[in-house]
Amino acid sequence: YGGTGEALSGLERGEADVFLVGPATSGLKVVK
């Protein structure tokens, strides 16, 4: 994708299943 926002939206739409997130503090936000 072209940035984090687009990647997260792709996950939300079901286009992707997994995302390696650095750092884990950002991972906490994704989980929430």
Full PDB file with SEQRES, HELIX, SHEET, SSBOND, CRYST1, ORIGX, SCALE, CONECT and MASTER records, all heavy atoms in Angstrom:
SEQRES   1 A   32  TYR GLY GLY THR GLY GLU ALA LEU SER GLY LEU GLU ARG          
SEQRES   2 A   32  GLY GLU ALA ASP VAL PHE LEU VAL GLY PRO ALA THR SER          
SEQRES   3 A   32  GLY LEU LYS VAL VAL LYS                                      
HELIX    1 AA1 THR A    4  ARG A   13  1                                  10    
HELIX    2 AA2 ALA A   24  VAL A   31  1                                   8    
CRYST1    1.000    1.000    1.000  90.00  90.00  90.00 P 1           1          
ORIGX1      1.000000  0.000000  0.000000        0.00000                         
ORIGX2      0.000000  1.000000  0.000000        0.00000                         
ORIGX3      0.000000  0.000000  1.000000        0.00000                         
SCALE1      1.000000  0.000000  0.000000        0.00000                         
SCALE2      0.000000  1.000000  0.000000        0.00000                         
SCALE3      0.000000  0.000000  1.000000        0.00000                         
ATOM      1  N   TYR A   1       0.841  -1.192   0.000  1.00  0.00           N  
ATOM      2  CA  TYR A   1       0.000   0.000   0.000  1.00  0.00           C  
ATOM      3  C   TYR A   1       0.882   1.251   0.000  1.00  0.00           C  
ATOM      4  O   TYR A   1       2.118   1.162   0.045  1.00  0.00           O  
ATOM      5  CB  TYR A   1      -0.930  -0.001   1.216  1.00  0.00           C  
ATOM      6  CG  TYR A   1      -1.952  -1.113   1.187  1.00  0.00           C  
ATOM      7  CD1 TYR A   1      -1.728  -2.316   1.846  1.00  0.00           C  
ATOM      8  CD2 TYR A   1      -3.146  -0.960   0.485  1.00  0.00           C  
ATOM      9  CE1 TYR A   1      -2.665  -3.342   1.817  1.00  0.00           C  
ATOM     10  CE2 TYR A   1      -4.094  -1.980   0.451  1.00  0.00           C  
ATOM     11  CZ  TYR A   1      -3.850  -3.166   1.123  1.00  0.00           C  
ATOM     12  OH  TYR A   1      -4.777  -4.178   1.089  1.00  0.00           O  
ATOM     13  N   GLY A   2       0.246   2.396  -0.014  1.00  0.00           N  
ATOM     14  CA  GLY A   2       0.972   3.669  -0.041  1.00  0.00           C  
ATOM     15  C   GLY A   2       0.971   4.362   1.299  1.00  0.00           C  
ATOM     16  O   GLY A   2       0.657   5.554   1.377  1.00  0.00           O  
ATOM     17  N   GLY A   3       1.301   3.662   2.355  1.00  0.00           N  
ATOM     18  CA  GLY A   3       1.341   4.262   3.690  1.00  0.00           C  
ATOM     19  C   GLY A   3       0.554   3.435   4.681  1.00  0.00           C  
ATOM     20  O   GLY A   3      -0.171   2.495   4.317  1.00  0.00           O  
ATOM     21  N   THR A   4       0.680   3.792   5.943  1.00  0.00           N  
ATOM     22  CA  THR A   4       0.043   3.014   6.999  1.00  0.00           C  
ATOM     23  C   THR A   4      -1.473   3.095   6.939  1.00  0.00           C  
ATOM     24  O   THR A   4      -2.169   2.092   7.119  1.00  0.00           O  
ATOM     25  CB  THR A   4       0.527   3.503   8.382  1.00  0.00           C  
ATOM     26  OG1 THR A   4       1.927   3.368   8.438  1.00  0.00           O  
ATOM     27  CG2 THR A   4      -0.106   2.691   9.494  1.00  0.00           C  
ATOM     28  N   GLY A   5      -2.021   4.289   6.685  1.00  0.00           N  
ATOM     29  CA  GLY A   5      -3.467   4.436   6.638  1.00  0.00           C  
ATOM     30  C   GLY A   5      -4.099   3.525   5.606  1.00  0.00           C  
ATOM     31  O   GLY A   5      -5.109   2.867   5.874  1.00  0.00           O  
ATOM     32  N   GLU A   6      -3.489   3.468   4.426  1.00  0.00           N  
ATOM     33  CA  GLU A   6      -4.019   2.612   3.373  1.00  0.00           C  
ATOM     34  C   GLU A   6      -3.869   1.135   3.740  1.00  0.00           C  
ATOM     35  O   GLU A   6      -4.746   0.312   3.436  1.00  0.00           O  
ATOM     36  CB  GLU A   6      -3.310   2.905   2.054  1.00  0.00           C  
ATOM     37  CG  GLU A   6      -3.641   4.278   1.484  1.00  0.00           C  
ATOM     38  CD  GLU A   6      -2.962   4.518   0.145  1.00  0.00           C  
ATOM     39  OE1 GLU A   6      -2.513   3.540  -0.467  1.00  0.00           O  
ATOM     40  OE2 GLU A   6      -2.880   5.689  -0.271  1.00  0.00           O  
ATOM     41  N   ALA A   7      -2.767   0.783   4.385  1.00  0.00           N  
ATOM     42  CA  ALA A   7      -2.559  -0.608   4.797  1.00  0.00           C  
ATOM     43  C   ALA A   7      -3.622  -1.029   5.817  1.00  0.00           C  
ATOM     44  O   ALA A   7      -4.192  -2.123   5.728  1.00  0.00           O  
ATOM     45  CB  ALA A   7      -1.162  -0.784   5.372  1.00  0.00           C  
ATOM     46  N   LEU A   8      -3.885  -0.160   6.782  1.00  0.00           N  
ATOM     47  CA  LEU A   8      -4.881  -0.492   7.796  1.00  0.00           C  
ATOM     48  C   LEU A   8      -6.278  -0.590   7.190  1.00  0.00           C  
ATOM     49  O   LEU A   8      -7.075  -1.455   7.572  1.00  0.00           O  
ATOM     50  CB  LEU A   8      -4.853   0.567   8.901  1.00  0.00           C  
ATOM     51  CG  LEU A   8      -3.560   0.636   9.721  1.00  0.00           C  
ATOM     52  CD1 LEU A   8      -3.610   1.806  10.690  1.00  0.00           C  
ATOM     53  CD2 LEU A   8      -3.315  -0.662  10.464  1.00  0.00           C  
ATOM     54  N   SER A   9      -6.559   0.280   6.243  1.00  0.00           N  
ATOM     55  CA  SER A   9      -7.860   0.207   5.580  1.00  0.00           C  
ATOM     56  C   SER A   9      -7.980  -1.074   4.764  1.00  0.00           C  
ATOM     57  O   SER A   9      -9.053  -1.671   4.684  1.00  0.00           O  
ATOM     58  CB  SER A   9      -8.056   1.430   4.682  1.00  0.00           C  
ATOM     59  OG  SER A   9      -8.114   2.610   5.454  1.00  0.00           O  
ATOM     60  N   GLY A  10      -6.874  -1.513   4.151  1.00  0.00           N  
ATOM     61  CA  GLY A  10      -6.878  -2.777   3.428  1.00  0.00           C  
ATOM     62  C   GLY A  10      -7.144  -3.950   4.340  1.00  0.00           C  
ATOM     63  O   GLY A  10      -7.885  -4.888   3.987  1.00  0.00           O  
ATOM     64  N   LEU A  11      -6.556  -3.917   5.527  1.00  0.00           N  
ATOM     65  CA  LEU A  11      -6.833  -4.955   6.520  1.00  0.00           C  
ATOM     66  C   LEU A  11      -8.306  -4.942   6.906  1.00  0.00           C  
ATOM     67  O   LEU A  11      -8.959  -5.982   7.014  1.00  0.00           O  
ATOM     68  CB  LEU A  11      -5.963  -4.739   7.760  1.00  0.00           C  
ATOM     69  CG  LEU A  11      -4.475  -5.062   7.619  1.00  0.00           C  
ATOM     70  CD1 LEU A  11      -3.676  -4.377   8.718  1.00  0.00           C  
ATOM     71  CD2 LEU A  11      -4.231  -6.570   7.670  1.00  0.00           C  
ATOM     72  N   GLU A  12      -8.822  -3.743   7.108  1.00  0.00           N  
ATOM     73  CA  GLU A  12     -10.223  -3.605   7.518  1.00  0.00           C  
ATOM     74  C   GLU A  12     -11.167  -4.119   6.438  1.00  0.00           C  
ATOM     75  O   GLU A  12     -12.223  -4.702   6.743  1.00  0.00           O  
ATOM     76  CB  GLU A  12     -10.513  -2.137   7.819  1.00  0.00           C  
ATOM     77  CG  GLU A  12     -11.848  -1.875   8.473  1.00  0.00           C  
ATOM     78  CD  GLU A  12     -12.029  -0.408   8.834  1.00  0.00           C  
ATOM     79  OE1 GLU A  12     -11.368   0.445   8.210  1.00  0.00           O  
ATOM     80  OE2 GLU A  12     -12.828  -0.129   9.733  1.00  0.00           O  
ATOM     81  N   ARG A  13     -10.802  -3.920   5.174  1.00  0.00           N  
ATOM     82  CA  ARG A  13     -11.646  -4.376   4.064  1.00  0.00           C  
ATOM     83  C   ARG A  13     -11.474  -5.866   3.760  1.00  0.00           C  
ATOM     84  O   ARG A  13     -12.162  -6.412   2.898  1.00  0.00           O  
ATOM     85  CB  ARG A  13     -11.327  -3.569   2.803  1.00  0.00           C  
ATOM     86  CG  ARG A  13     -11.712  -2.105   2.862  1.00  0.00           C  
ATOM     87  CD  ARG A  13     -11.622  -1.469   1.486  1.00  0.00           C  
ATOM     88  NE  ARG A  13     -10.266  -1.479   0.966  1.00  0.00           N  
ATOM     89  CZ  ARG A  13      -9.396  -0.478   1.091  1.00  0.00           C  
ATOM     90  NH1 ARG A  13      -9.745   0.612   1.761  1.00  0.00           N  
ATOM     91  NH2 ARG A  13      -8.183  -0.565   0.575  1.00  0.00           N  
ATOM     92  N   GLY A  14     -10.529  -6.526   4.428  1.00  0.00           N  
ATOM     93  CA  GLY A  14     -10.317  -7.941   4.209  1.00  0.00           C  
ATOM     94  C   GLY A  14      -9.357  -8.269   3.087  1.00  0.00           C  
ATOM     95  O   GLY A  14      -9.254  -9.420   2.668  1.00  0.00           O  
ATOM     96  N   GLU A  15      -8.631  -7.270   2.596  1.00  0.00           N  
ATOM     97  CA  GLU A  15      -7.672  -7.493   1.520  1.00  0.00           C  
ATOM     98  C   GLU A  15      -6.377  -8.115   2.022  1.00  0.00           C  
ATOM     99  O   GLU A  15      -5.615  -8.678   1.245  1.00  0.00           O  
ATOM    100  CB  GLU A  15      -7.370  -6.173   0.810  1.00  0.00           C  
ATOM    101  CG  GLU A  15      -8.564  -5.544   0.136  1.00  0.00           C  
ATOM    102  CD  GLU A  15      -8.287  -4.156  -0.385  1.00  0.00           C  
ATOM    103  OE1 GLU A  15      -7.173  -3.637  -0.152  1.00  0.00           O  
ATOM    104  OE2 GLU A  15      -9.193  -3.582  -1.014  1.00  0.00           O  
ATOM    105  N   ALA A  16      -6.111  -7.964   3.298  1.00  0.00           N  
ATOM    106  CA  ALA A  16      -4.903  -8.523   3.900  1.00  0.00           C  
ATOM    107  C   ALA A  16      -5.260  -9.107   5.255  1.00  0.00           C  
ATOM    108  O   ALA A  16      -6.263  -8.732   5.878  1.00  0.00           O  
ATOM    109  CB  ALA A  16      -3.824  -7.460   4.032  1.00  0.00           C  
ATOM    110  N   ASP A  17      -4.411 -10.028   5.697  1.00  0.00           N  
ATOM    111  CA  ASP A  17      -4.682 -10.755   6.944  1.00  0.00           C  
ATOM    112  C   ASP A  17      -3.694 -10.438   8.052  1.00  0.00           C  
ATOM    113  O   ASP A  17      -4.016 -10.558   9.235  1.00  0.00           O  
ATOM    114  CB  ASP A  17      -4.608 -12.266   6.686  1.00  0.00           C  
ATOM    115  CG  ASP A  17      -5.382 -12.701   5.464  1.00  0.00           C  
ATOM    116  OD1 ASP A  17      -6.618 -12.602   5.504  1.00  0.00           O  
ATOM    117  OD2 ASP A  17      -4.752 -13.127   4.474  1.00  0.00           O  
ATOM    118  N   VAL A  18      -2.461 -10.075   7.676  1.00  0.00           N  
ATOM    119  CA  VAL A  18      -1.361  -9.960   8.636  1.00  0.00           C  
ATOM    120  C   VAL A  18      -0.607  -8.658   8.380  1.00  0.00           C  
ATOM    121  O   VAL A  18      -0.508  -8.200   7.238  1.00  0.00           O  
ATOM    122  CB  VAL A  18      -0.392 -11.163   8.497  1.00  0.00           C  
ATOM    123  CG1 VAL A  18       0.678 -11.116   9.573  1.00  0.00           C  
ATOM    124  CG2 VAL A  18      -1.147 -12.474   8.566  1.00  0.00           C  
ATOM    125  N   PHE A  19      -0.060  -8.085   9.455  1.00  0.00           N  
ATOM    126  CA  PHE A  19       0.669  -6.821   9.361  1.00  0.00           C  
ATOM    127  C   PHE A  19       1.787  -6.850  10.400  1.00  0.00           C  
ATOM    128  O   PHE A  19       1.525  -6.956  11.596  1.00  0.00           O  
ATOM    129  CB  PHE A  19      -0.297  -5.669   9.636  1.00  0.00           C  
ATOM    130  CG  PHE A  19       0.211  -4.298   9.300  1.00  0.00           C  
ATOM    131  CD1 PHE A  19       1.222  -4.086   8.372  1.00  0.00           C  
ATOM    132  CD2 PHE A  19      -0.355  -3.192   9.919  1.00  0.00           C  
ATOM    133  CE1 PHE A  19       1.657  -2.806   8.061  1.00  0.00           C  
ATOM    134  CE2 PHE A  19       0.064  -1.902   9.622  1.00  0.00           C  
ATOM    135  CZ  PHE A  19       1.067  -1.711   8.687  1.00  0.00           C  
ATOM    136  N   LEU A  20       3.031  -6.786   9.945  1.00  0.00           N  
ATOM    137  CA  LEU A  20       4.163  -6.675  10.874  1.00  0.00           C  
ATOM    138  C   LEU A  20       4.292  -5.215  11.257  1.00  0.00           C  
ATOM    139  O   LEU A  20       4.575  -4.365  10.412  1.00  0.00           O  
ATOM    140  CB  LEU A  20       5.453  -7.171  10.216  1.00  0.00           C  
ATOM    141  CG  LEU A  20       6.700  -7.142  11.112  1.00  0.00           C  
ATOM    142  CD1 LEU A  20       6.577  -8.128  12.270  1.00  0.00           C  
ATOM    143  CD2 LEU A  20       7.960  -7.438  10.301  1.00  0.00           C  
ATOM    144  N   VAL A  21       4.085  -4.919  12.533  1.00  0.00           N  
ATOM    145  CA  VAL A  21       4.012  -3.538  13.006  1.00  0.00           C  
ATOM    146  C   VAL A  21       5.208  -3.204  13.875  1.00  0.00           C  
ATOM    147  O   VAL A  21       5.495  -3.892  14.846  1.00  0.00           O  
ATOM    148  CB  VAL A  21       2.707  -3.297  13.805  1.00  0.00           C  
ATOM    149  CG1 VAL A  21       2.647  -1.857  14.290  1.00  0.00           C  
ATOM    150  CG2 VAL A  21       1.491  -3.617  12.946  1.00  0.00           C  
ATOM    151  N   GLY A  22       5.895  -2.157  13.513  1.00  0.00           N  
ATOM    152  CA  GLY A  22       6.957  -1.634  14.347  1.00  0.00           C  
ATOM    153  C   GLY A  22       6.689  -0.166  14.630  1.00  0.00           C  
ATOM    154  O   GLY A  22       6.427   0.605  13.706  1.00  0.00           O  
ATOM    155  N   PRO A  23       6.697   0.212  15.900  1.00  0.00           N  
ATOM    156  CA  PRO A  23       6.924  -0.587  17.097  1.00  0.00           C  
ATOM    157  C   PRO A  23       5.636  -1.204  17.640  1.00  0.00           C  
ATOM    158  O   PRO A  23       4.546  -0.909  17.173  1.00  0.00           O  
ATOM    159  CB  PRO A  23       7.470   0.436  18.083  1.00  0.00           C  
ATOM    160  CG  PRO A  23       6.760   1.690  17.701  1.00  0.00           C  
ATOM    161  CD  PRO A  23       6.628   1.652  16.201  1.00  0.00           C  
ATOM    162  N   ALA A  24       5.808  -2.032  18.684  1.00  0.00           N  
ATOM    163  CA  ALA A  24       4.662  -2.732  19.262  1.00  0.00           C  
ATOM    164  C   ALA A  24       3.660  -1.780  19.905  1.00  0.00           C  
ATOM    165  O   ALA A  24       2.480  -2.118  20.028  1.00  0.00           O  
ATOM    166  CB  ALA A  24       5.141  -3.760  20.287  1.00  0.00           C  
ATOM    167  N   THR A  25       4.118  -0.605  20.312  1.00  0.00           N  
ATOM    168  CA  THR A  25       3.171   0.376  20.858  1.00  0.00           C  
ATOM    169  C   THR A  25       2.153   0.768  19.794  1.00  0.00           C  
ATOM    170  O   THR A  25       0.981   1.014  20.094  1.00  0.00           O  
ATOM    171  CB  THR A  25       3.917   1.612  21.380  1.00  0.00           C  
ATOM    172  OG1 THR A  25       4.952   1.982  20.458  1.00  0.00           O  
ATOM    173  CG2 THR A  25       4.535   1.345  22.737  1.00  0.00           C  
ATOM    174  N   SER A  26       2.593   0.841  18.531  1.00  0.00           N  
ATOM    175  CA  SER A  26       1.646   1.078  17.439  1.00  0.00           C  
ATOM    176  C   SER A  26       0.759  -0.141  17.232  1.00  0.00           C  
ATOM    177  O   SER A  26      -0.416  -0.016  16.880  1.00  0.00           O  
ATOM    178  CB  SER A  26       2.404   1.404  16.147  1.00  0.00           C  
ATOM    179  OG  SER A  26       3.052   2.647  16.235  1.00  0.00           O  
ATOM    180  N   GLY A  27       1.333  -1.333  17.463  1.00  0.00           N  
ATOM    181  CA  GLY A  27       0.543  -2.551  17.376  1.00  0.00           C  
ATOM    182  C   GLY A  27      -0.622  -2.545  18.351  1.00  0.00           C  
ATOM    183  O   GLY A  27      -1.710  -3.041  18.042  1.00  0.00           O  
ATOM    184  N   LEU A  28      -0.405  -1.962  19.527  1.00  0.00           N  
ATOM    185  CA  LEU A  28      -1.484  -1.863  20.511  1.00  0.00           C  
ATOM    186  C   LEU A  28      -2.654  -1.068  19.949  1.00  0.00           C  
ATOM    187  O   LEU A  28      -3.824  -1.414  20.161  1.00  0.00           O  
ATOM    188  CB  LEU A  28      -0.970  -1.183  21.784  1.00  0.00           C  
ATOM    189  CG  LEU A  28       0.032  -1.955  22.644  1.00  0.00           C  
ATOM    190  CD1 LEU A  28       0.518  -1.069  23.792  1.00  0.00           C  
ATOM    191  CD2 LEU A  28      -0.582  -3.232  23.184  1.00  0.00           C  
ATOM    192  N   LYS A  29      -2.346   0.002  19.212  1.00  0.00           N  
ATOM    193  CA  LYS A  29      -3.409   0.832  18.638  1.00  0.00           C  
ATOM    194  C   LYS A  29      -4.181   0.070  17.561  1.00  0.00           C  
ATOM    195  O   LYS A  29      -5.401   0.198  17.443  1.00  0.00           O  
ATOM    196  CB  LYS A  29      -2.818   2.114  18.068  1.00  0.00           C  
ATOM    197  CG  LYS A  29      -2.415   3.121  19.129  1.00  0.00           C  
ATOM    198  CD  LYS A  29      -2.106   4.469  18.501  1.00  0.00           C  
ATOM    199  CE  LYS A  29      -1.933   5.529  19.577  1.00  0.00           C  
ATOM    200  NZ  LYS A  29      -1.743   6.877  19.007  1.00  0.00           N  
ATOM    201  N   VAL A  30      -3.448  -0.707  16.770  1.00  0.00           N  
ATOM    202  CA  VAL A  30      -4.111  -1.489  15.726  1.00  0.00           C  
ATOM    203  C   VAL A  30      -5.066  -2.497  16.355  1.00  0.00           C  
ATOM    204  O   VAL A  30      -6.210  -2.657  15.909  1.00  0.00           O  
ATOM    205  CB  VAL A  30      -3.074  -2.211  14.839  1.00  0.00           C  
ATOM    206  CG1 VAL A  30      -3.774  -3.079  13.801  1.00  0.00           C  
ATOM    207  CG2 VAL A  30      -2.158  -1.203  14.145  1.00  0.00           C  
ATOM    208  N   VAL A  31      -4.603  -3.168  17.399  1.00  0.00           N  
ATOM    209  CA  VAL A  31      -5.429  -4.167  18.080  1.00  0.00           C  
ATOM    210  C   VAL A  31      -6.700  -3.530  18.633  1.00  0.00           C  
ATOM    211  O   VAL A  31      -7.802  -4.107  18.553  1.00  0.00           O  
ATOM    212  CB  VAL A  31      -4.624  -4.854  19.203  1.00  0.00           C  
ATOM    213  CG1 VAL A  31      -5.534  -5.681  20.106  1.00  0.00           C  
ATOM    214  CG2 VAL A  31      -3.533  -5.731  18.608  1.00  0.00           C  
ATOM    215  N   LYS A  32      -6.581  -2.331  19.182  1.00  0.00           N  
ATOM    216  CA  LYS A  32      -7.732  -1.658  19.773  1.00  0.00           C  
ATOM    217  C   LYS A  32      -8.714  -1.160  18.713  1.00  0.00           C  
ATOM    218  O   LYS A  32      -9.920  -1.082  18.959  1.00  0.00           O  
ATOM    219  CB  LYS A  32      -7.268  -0.485  20.642  1.00  0.00           C  
ATOM    220  CG  LYS A  32      -6.543  -0.903  21.907  1.00  0.00           C  
ATOM    221  CD  LYS A  32      -6.007   0.315  22.656  1.00  0.00           C  
ATOM    222  CE  LYS A  32      -5.241  -0.121  23.909  1.00  0.00           C  
ATOM    223  NZ  LYS A  32      -4.652   1.052  24.633  1.00  0.00           N  
TER     224      LYS A  32                                                      
MASTER        0    0    0    2    0    0    0    6  223    1    0    3          
END                                                                             
